[in-house]
C-alpha atoms as a PDB file:
ATOM      1  CA  MET A   1     119.044  72.046 145.154  1.00  0.00           C
ATOM      2  CA  GLN A   2     116.599  69.603 143.588  1.00  0.00           C
ATOM      3  CA  ILE A   3     118.321  67.809 140.733  1.00  0.00           C
ATOM      4  CA  GLY A   4     115.510  65.337 139.972  1.00  0.00           C
ATOM      5  CA  PRO A   5     113.309  67.721 137.982  1.00  0.00           C
ATOM      6  CA  LYS A   6     116.348  68.853 135.941  1.00  0.00           C
ATOM      7  CA  ILE A   7     117.216  65.236 135.123  1.00  0.00           C
ATOM      8  CA  LYS A   8     113.608  64.596 134.100  1.00  0.00           C
ATOM      9  CA  SER A   9     113.505  67.726 131.938  1.00  0.00           C
ATOM     10  CA  LEU A  10     116.721  66.764 130.124  1.00  0.00           C
ATOM     11  CA  ARG A  11     115.452  63.200 129.643  1.00  0.00           C
ATOM     12  CA  LEU A  12     112.208  64.442 128.109  1.00  0.00           C
ATOM     13  CA  LYS A  13     114.059  66.883 125.840  1.00  0.00           C
ATOM     14  CA  LYS A  14     116.135  63.941 124.591  1.00  0.00           C
ATOM     15  CA  GLY A  15     112.933  61.986 123.942  1.00  0.00           C
ATOM     16  CA  LEU A  16     113.945  59.163 126.267  1.00  0.00           C
ATOM     17  CA  THR A  17     111.694  57.098 128.495  1.00  0.00           C
ATOM     18  CA  GLN A  18     112.802  56.297 132.032  1.00  0.00           C
ATOM     19  CA  GLU A  19     113.420  52.749 130.867  1.00  0.00           C
ATOM     20  CA  GLU A  20     115.624  53.883 127.954  1.00  0.00           C
ATOM     21  CA  LEU A  21     117.666  56.183 130.200  1.00  0.00           C
ATOM     22  CA  GLY A  22     118.027  53.335 132.680  1.00  0.00           C
ATOM     23  CA  GLU A  23     119.257  50.950 129.984  1.00  0.00           C
ATOM     24  CA  ARG A  24     121.882  53.448 128.821  1.00  0.00           C
ATOM     25  CA  THR A  25     123.158  54.027 132.361  1.00  0.00           C
ATOM     26  CA  ASP A  26     122.769  50.499 133.776  1.00  0.00           C
ATOM     27  CA  LEU A  27     120.034  51.689 136.165  1.00  0.00           C
ATOM     28  CA  THR A  28     116.523  50.386 136.624  1.00  0.00           C
ATOM     29  CA  LYS A  29     113.448  52.328 135.545  1.00  0.00           C
ATOM     30  CA  GLY A  30     112.442  52.465 139.214  1.00  0.00           C
ATOM     31  CA  HIS A  31     115.781  53.988 140.210  1.00  0.00           C
ATOM     32  CA  ILE A  32     115.454  56.657 137.478  1.00  0.00           C
ATOM     33  CA  SER A  33     111.937  57.406 138.744  1.00  0.00           C
ATOM     34  CA  GLN A  34     113.228  57.840 142.301  1.00  0.00           C
ATOM     35  CA  LEU A  35     116.035  60.132 141.122  1.00  0.00           C
ATOM     36  CA  GLU A  36     113.625  62.304 139.142  1.00  0.00           C
ATOM     37  CA  ARG A  37     111.349  62.683 142.181  1.00  0.00           C
ATOM     38  CA  ASP A  38     114.328  63.428 144.468  1.00  0.00           C
ATOM     39  CA  LEU A  39     113.555  60.336 146.538  1.00  0.00           C
ATOM     40  CA  ASN A  40     117.103  59.088 146.003  1.00  0.00           C
ATOM     41  CA  SER A  41     120.437  60.773 145.233  1.00  0.00           C
ATOM     42  CA  PRO A  42     122.828  59.418 142.618  1.00  0.00           C
ATOM     43  CA  SER A  43     126.433  58.604 143.348  1.00  0.00           C
ATOM     44  CA  ILE A  44     128.951  60.864 141.597  1.00  0.00           C
ATOM     45  CA  GLU A  45     129.696  58.083 139.115  1.00  0.00           C
ATOM     46  CA  THR A  46     125.991  57.583 138.369  1.00  0.00           C
ATOM     47  CA  PHE A  47     125.411  61.331 138.113  1.00  0.00           C
ATOM     48  CA  PHE A  48     128.215  61.732 135.541  1.00  0.00           C
ATOM     49  CA  ALA A  49     126.865  58.748 133.564  1.00  0.00           C
ATOM     50  CA  LEU A  50     123.404  60.342 133.517  1.00  0.00           C
ATOM     51  CA  LEU A  51     124.774  63.695 132.354  1.00  0.00           C
ATOM     52  CA  GLU A  52     126.779  62.039 129.583  1.00  0.00           C
ATOM     53  CA  VAL A  53     123.706  60.227 128.232  1.00  0.00           C
ATOM     54  CA  LEU A  54     121.621  63.393 128.593  1.00  0.00           C
ATOM     55  CA  GLY A  55     124.191  65.380 126.608  1.00  0.00           C
ATOM     56  CA  THR A  56     125.221  67.950 129.185  1.00  0.00           C
ATOM     57  CA  THR A  57     128.109  68.784 131.486  1.00  0.00           C
ATOM     58  CA  PRO A  58     128.084  69.327 135.264  1.00  0.00           C
ATOM     59  CA  LYS A  59     128.824  73.038 134.665  1.00  0.00           C
ATOM     60  CA  ASP A  60     125.833  73.445 132.325  1.00  0.00           C
ATOM     61  CA  PHE A  61     123.603  71.325 134.552  1.00  0.00           C
ATOM     62  CA  PHE A  62     124.190  73.553 137.581  1.00  0.00           C
ATOM     63  CA  ASP A  63     124.465  76.877 135.717  1.00  0.00           C
ATOM     64  CA  ASP A  64     121.336  78.820 136.637  1.00  0.00           C
ATOM     65  CA  SER A  65     122.537  81.925 134.816  1.00  0.00           C
ATOM     66  CA  ARG A  66     121.643  80.428 131.439  1.00  0.00           C
ATOM     67  CA  LYS A  67     119.206  82.351 129.313  1.00  0.00           C
ATOM     68  CA  THR A  68     115.653  81.128 129.608  1.00  0.00           C
ATOM     69  CA  THR A  69     113.971  79.488 126.687  1.00  0.00           C
ATOM     70  CA  LYS A  70     112.193  81.872 124.361  1.00  0.00           C
ATOM     71  CA  ILE A  71     108.457  81.844 125.034  1.00  0.00           C
ATOM     72  CA  VAL A  72     106.943  84.724 123.051  1.00  0.00           C
ATOM     73  CA  TYR A  73     107.334  84.932 119.258  1.00  0.00           C
ATOM     74  CA  SER A  74     106.464  88.084 117.327  1.00  0.00           C
ATOM     75  CA  THR A  75     104.836  88.138 113.908  1.00  0.00           C
ATOM     76  CA  GLU A  76     108.191  89.203 112.434  1.00  0.00           C
ATOM     77  CA  GLU A  77     109.637  85.827 113.481  1.00  0.00           C
ATOM     78  CA  GLN A  78     106.869  83.829 111.825  1.00  0.00           C
ATOM     79  CA  THR A  79     107.197  82.337 108.348  1.00  0.00           C
ATOM     80  CA  ILE A  80     104.452  82.197 105.702  1.00  0.00           C
ATOM     81  CA  HIS A  81     104.281  79.928 102.659  1.00  0.00           C
ATOM     82  CA  SER A  82     101.574  80.110  99.997  1.00  0.00           C
ATOM     83  CA  ASP A  83     100.591  77.375  97.560  1.00  0.00           C
ATOM     84  CA  ASP A  84      98.697  78.818  94.586  1.00  0.00           C
ATOM     85  CA  VAL A  85      97.889  75.378  93.170  1.00  0.00           C
ATOM     86  CA  LEU A  86      96.217  73.993  96.301  1.00  0.00           C
ATOM     87  CA  LYS A  87      94.947  77.488  97.219  1.00  0.00           C
ATOM     88  CA  TYR A  88      96.198  77.777 100.789  1.00  0.00           C
ATOM     89  CA  SER A  89      98.743  79.643 102.872  1.00  0.00           C
ATOM     90  CA  ILE A  90     100.414  78.336 105.998  1.00  0.00           C
ATOM     91  CA  GLN A  91     101.961  80.476 108.715  1.00  0.00           C
ATOM     92  CA  TRP A  92     104.401  78.822 111.123  1.00  0.00           C
ATOM     93  CA  LEU A  93     103.654  80.543 114.421  1.00  0.00           C
ATOM     94  CA  VAL A  94     106.789  79.325 116.223  1.00  0.00           C
ATOM     95  CA  PRO A  95     110.163  79.326 114.406  1.00  0.00           C
ATOM     96  CA  LYS A  96     111.749  75.873 114.177  1.00  0.00           C
ATOM     97  CA  SER A  97     108.597  74.307 115.662  1.00  0.00           C
ATOM     98  CA  ASN A  98     109.182  71.281 113.423  1.00  0.00           C
ATOM     99  CA  GLU A  99     111.990  70.420 115.865  1.00  0.00           C
ATOM    100  CA  ASN A 100     109.553  70.401 118.810  1.00  0.00           C
ATOM    101  CA  GLU A 101     106.921  67.891 119.872  1.00  0.00           C
ATOM    102  CA  MET A 102     104.125  70.210 118.704  1.00  0.00           C
ATOM    103  CA  GLU A 103     103.966  72.279 115.562  1.00  0.00           C
ATOM    104  CA  PRO A 104     101.436  75.138 115.690  1.00  0.00           C
ATOM    105  CA  VAL A 105     100.464  76.725 112.376  1.00  0.00           C
ATOM    106  CA  MET A 106      97.716  78.981 111.061  1.00  0.00           C
ATOM    107  CA  ILE A 107      96.269  77.885 107.740  1.00  0.00           C
ATOM    108  CA  THR A 108      94.141  80.010 105.440  1.00  0.00           C
ATOM    109  CA  PHE A 109      92.205  78.307 102.661  1.00  0.00           C
ATOM    110  CA  ASN A 110      91.079  80.310  99.682  1.00  0.00           C
ATOM    111  CA  GLU A 111      87.865  79.144  98.026  1.00  0.00           C
ATOM    112  CA  LYS A 112      88.250  75.455  97.037  1.00  0.00           C
ATOM    113  CA  GLY A 113      91.554  75.320  98.929  1.00  0.00           C
ATOM    114  CA  GLU A 114      92.914  72.099 100.373  1.00  0.00           C
ATOM    115  CA  PHE A 115      95.940  70.745 102.203  1.00  0.00           C
ATOM    116  CA  LYS A 116      97.926  67.676 101.161  1.00  0.00           C
ATOM    117  CA  LYS A 117      96.813  64.203 102.208  1.00  0.00           C
ATOM    118  CA  PHE A 118      98.698  62.735 105.165  1.00  0.00           C
ATOM    119  CA  GLU A 119      99.411  59.030 105.460  1.00  0.00           C
ATOM    120  CA  PRO A 120      98.649  57.219 108.745  1.00  0.00           C
ATOM    121  CA  SER A 121     101.059  58.027 111.570  1.00  0.00           C
ATOM    122  CA  LEU A 122     101.245  58.199 115.355  1.00  0.00           C
ATOM    123  CA  SER A 123     100.718  61.960 115.351  1.00  0.00           C
ATOM    124  CA  GLU A 124      97.783  63.789 116.928  1.00  0.00           C
ATOM    125  CA  THR A 125      96.125  66.926 115.562  1.00  0.00           C
ATOM    126  CA  PHE A 126      94.162  69.745 117.165  1.00  0.00           C
ATOM    127  CA  ILE A 127      92.339  72.367 115.070  1.00  0.00           C
ATOM    128  CA  TYR A 128      90.466  75.513 116.077  1.00  0.00           C
ATOM    129  CA  VAL A 129      88.435  77.150 113.290  1.00  0.00           C
ATOM    130  CA  LEU A 130      88.768  80.952 113.345  1.00  0.00           C
ATOM    131  CA  SER A 131      86.537  81.671 110.333  1.00  0.00           C
ATOM    132  CA  GLY A 132      84.750  79.855 107.535  1.00  0.00           C
ATOM    133  CA  ARG A 133      84.215  76.103 107.498  1.00  0.00           C
ATOM    134  CA  ILE A 134      86.518  73.152 106.809  1.00  0.00           C
ATOM    135  CA  THR A 135      86.076  69.475 106.015  1.00  0.00           C
ATOM    136  CA  ILE A 136      88.314  66.893 107.650  1.00  0.00           C
ATOM    137  CA  GLU A 137      88.601  63.669 105.668  1.00  0.00           C
ATOM    138  CA  HIS A 138      89.676  61.088 108.273  1.00  0.00           C
ATOM    139  CA  GLY A 139      89.923  57.624 106.769  1.00  0.00           C
ATOM    140  CA  GLU A 140      86.588  56.917 105.057  1.00  0.00           C
ATOM    141  CA  THR A 141      84.634  59.547 107.027  1.00  0.00           C
ATOM    142  CA  ASN A 142      84.253  63.285 106.460  1.00  0.00           C
ATOM    143  CA  TYR A 143      83.646  65.767 109.279  1.00  0.00           C
ATOM    144  CA  THR A 144      82.778  69.456 108.969  1.00  0.00           C
ATOM    145  CA  ALA A 145      83.802  72.139 111.459  1.00  0.00           C
ATOM    146  CA  GLY A 146      82.831  75.814 111.416  1.00  0.00           C
ATOM    147  CA  LYS A 147      83.878  79.032 113.130  1.00  0.00           C
ATOM    148  CA  GLY A 148      84.460  78.413 116.853  1.00  0.00           C
ATOM    149  CA  ASP A 149      84.562  74.625 116.522  1.00  0.00           C
ATOM    150  CA  ALA A 150      87.452  72.576 117.896  1.00  0.00           C
ATOM    151  CA  VAL A 151      88.666  69.363 116.262  1.00  0.00           C
ATOM    152  CA  TYR A 152      90.912  66.672 117.697  1.00  0.00           C
ATOM    153  CA  TYR A 153      91.983  63.430 116.013  1.00  0.00           C
ATOM    154  CA  ASP A 154      94.819  60.948 115.887  1.00  0.00           C
ATOM    155  CA  GLY A 155      96.676  60.205 112.689  1.00  0.00           C
ATOM    156  CA  SER A 156      96.018  56.466 112.699  1.00  0.00           C
ATOM    157  CA  GLU A 157      94.180  56.818 109.372  1.00  0.00           C
ATOM    158  CA  SER A 158      95.007  58.881 106.306  1.00  0.00           C
ATOM    159  CA  HIS A 159      93.634  62.405 106.613  1.00  0.00           C
ATOM    160  CA  LYS A 160      93.163  65.544 104.557  1.00  0.00           C
ATOM    161  CA  LEU A 161      91.801  69.054 105.149  1.00  0.00           C
ATOM    162  CA  MET A 162      89.672  71.000 102.658  1.00  0.00           C
ATOM    163  CA  ASN A 163      87.778  74.289 102.555  1.00  0.00           C
ATOM    164  CA  ALA A 164      84.015  73.745 102.886  1.00  0.00           C
ATOM    165  CA  TYR A 165      83.119  77.426 102.537  1.00  0.00           C
ATOM    166  CA  ASN A 166      82.434  79.713  99.568  1.00  0.00           C
ATOM    167  CA  GLY A 167      85.179  82.088 100.614  1.00  0.00           C
ATOM    168  CA  LYS A 168      88.205  82.041 102.872  1.00  0.00           C
ATOM    169  CA  SER A 169      88.512  79.755 105.897  1.00  0.00           C
ATOM    170  CA  LYS A 170      91.156  80.249 108.574  1.00  0.00           C
ATOM    171  CA  PHE A 171      92.164  77.911 111.386  1.00  0.00           C
ATOM    172  CA  ILE A 172      94.881  77.144 113.912  1.00  0.00           C
ATOM    173  CA  LEU A 173      96.331  73.636 113.654  1.00  0.00           C
ATOM    174  CA  VAL A 174      98.655  72.036 116.205  1.00  0.00           C
ATOM    175  CA  ALA A 175     100.141  68.652 115.310  1.00  0.00           C
ATOM    176  CA  THR A 176     102.425  66.447 117.343  1.00  0.00           C
ATOM    177  CA  GLU A 177     105.496  64.765 115.979  1.00  0.00           C
ATOM    178  CA  SER A 178     105.123  61.078 115.133  1.00  0.00           C
ATOM    179  CA  TYR A 179     106.935  58.753 117.502  1.00  0.00           C
ATOM    180  CA  LEU A 180     107.632  55.067 116.990  1.00  0.00           C
END
């Protein structure tokens, strides 16, 4: 059994770098890298220390009968919120996605609709325009994207989204969580 990929997966789910995991287990970053690539095997003591930091038990680590992570989400599981003042609706496509690294949503702007202004952060945003046209205010510059256009930007400057169409605009937006 290859344990390296499981260790790496648990480390990533915890949001730890190899260096951080190494510091918490008195191992070097290089040693963690070797363990994750199955180039080295941990001692029992080291293995238990890793599992403790990664928040799991030996039983759970080796239990292959666990249910797999949910991958497909039906429309019944999705949540919609409408804002009549800013003239938009937002549909969370994956339940509890705000707990994940990416948060995919579908946004529909009514005429003159807009989304709140976001302050600078370390997040990244991807948008795919399904219909209509939107304006992306990124720092001091405005960009316009229409049906079929893809948009990608980092959140290093304040940013805001607005409808640039005399009707409804609809788009998919996927944003990453900000990390410091």
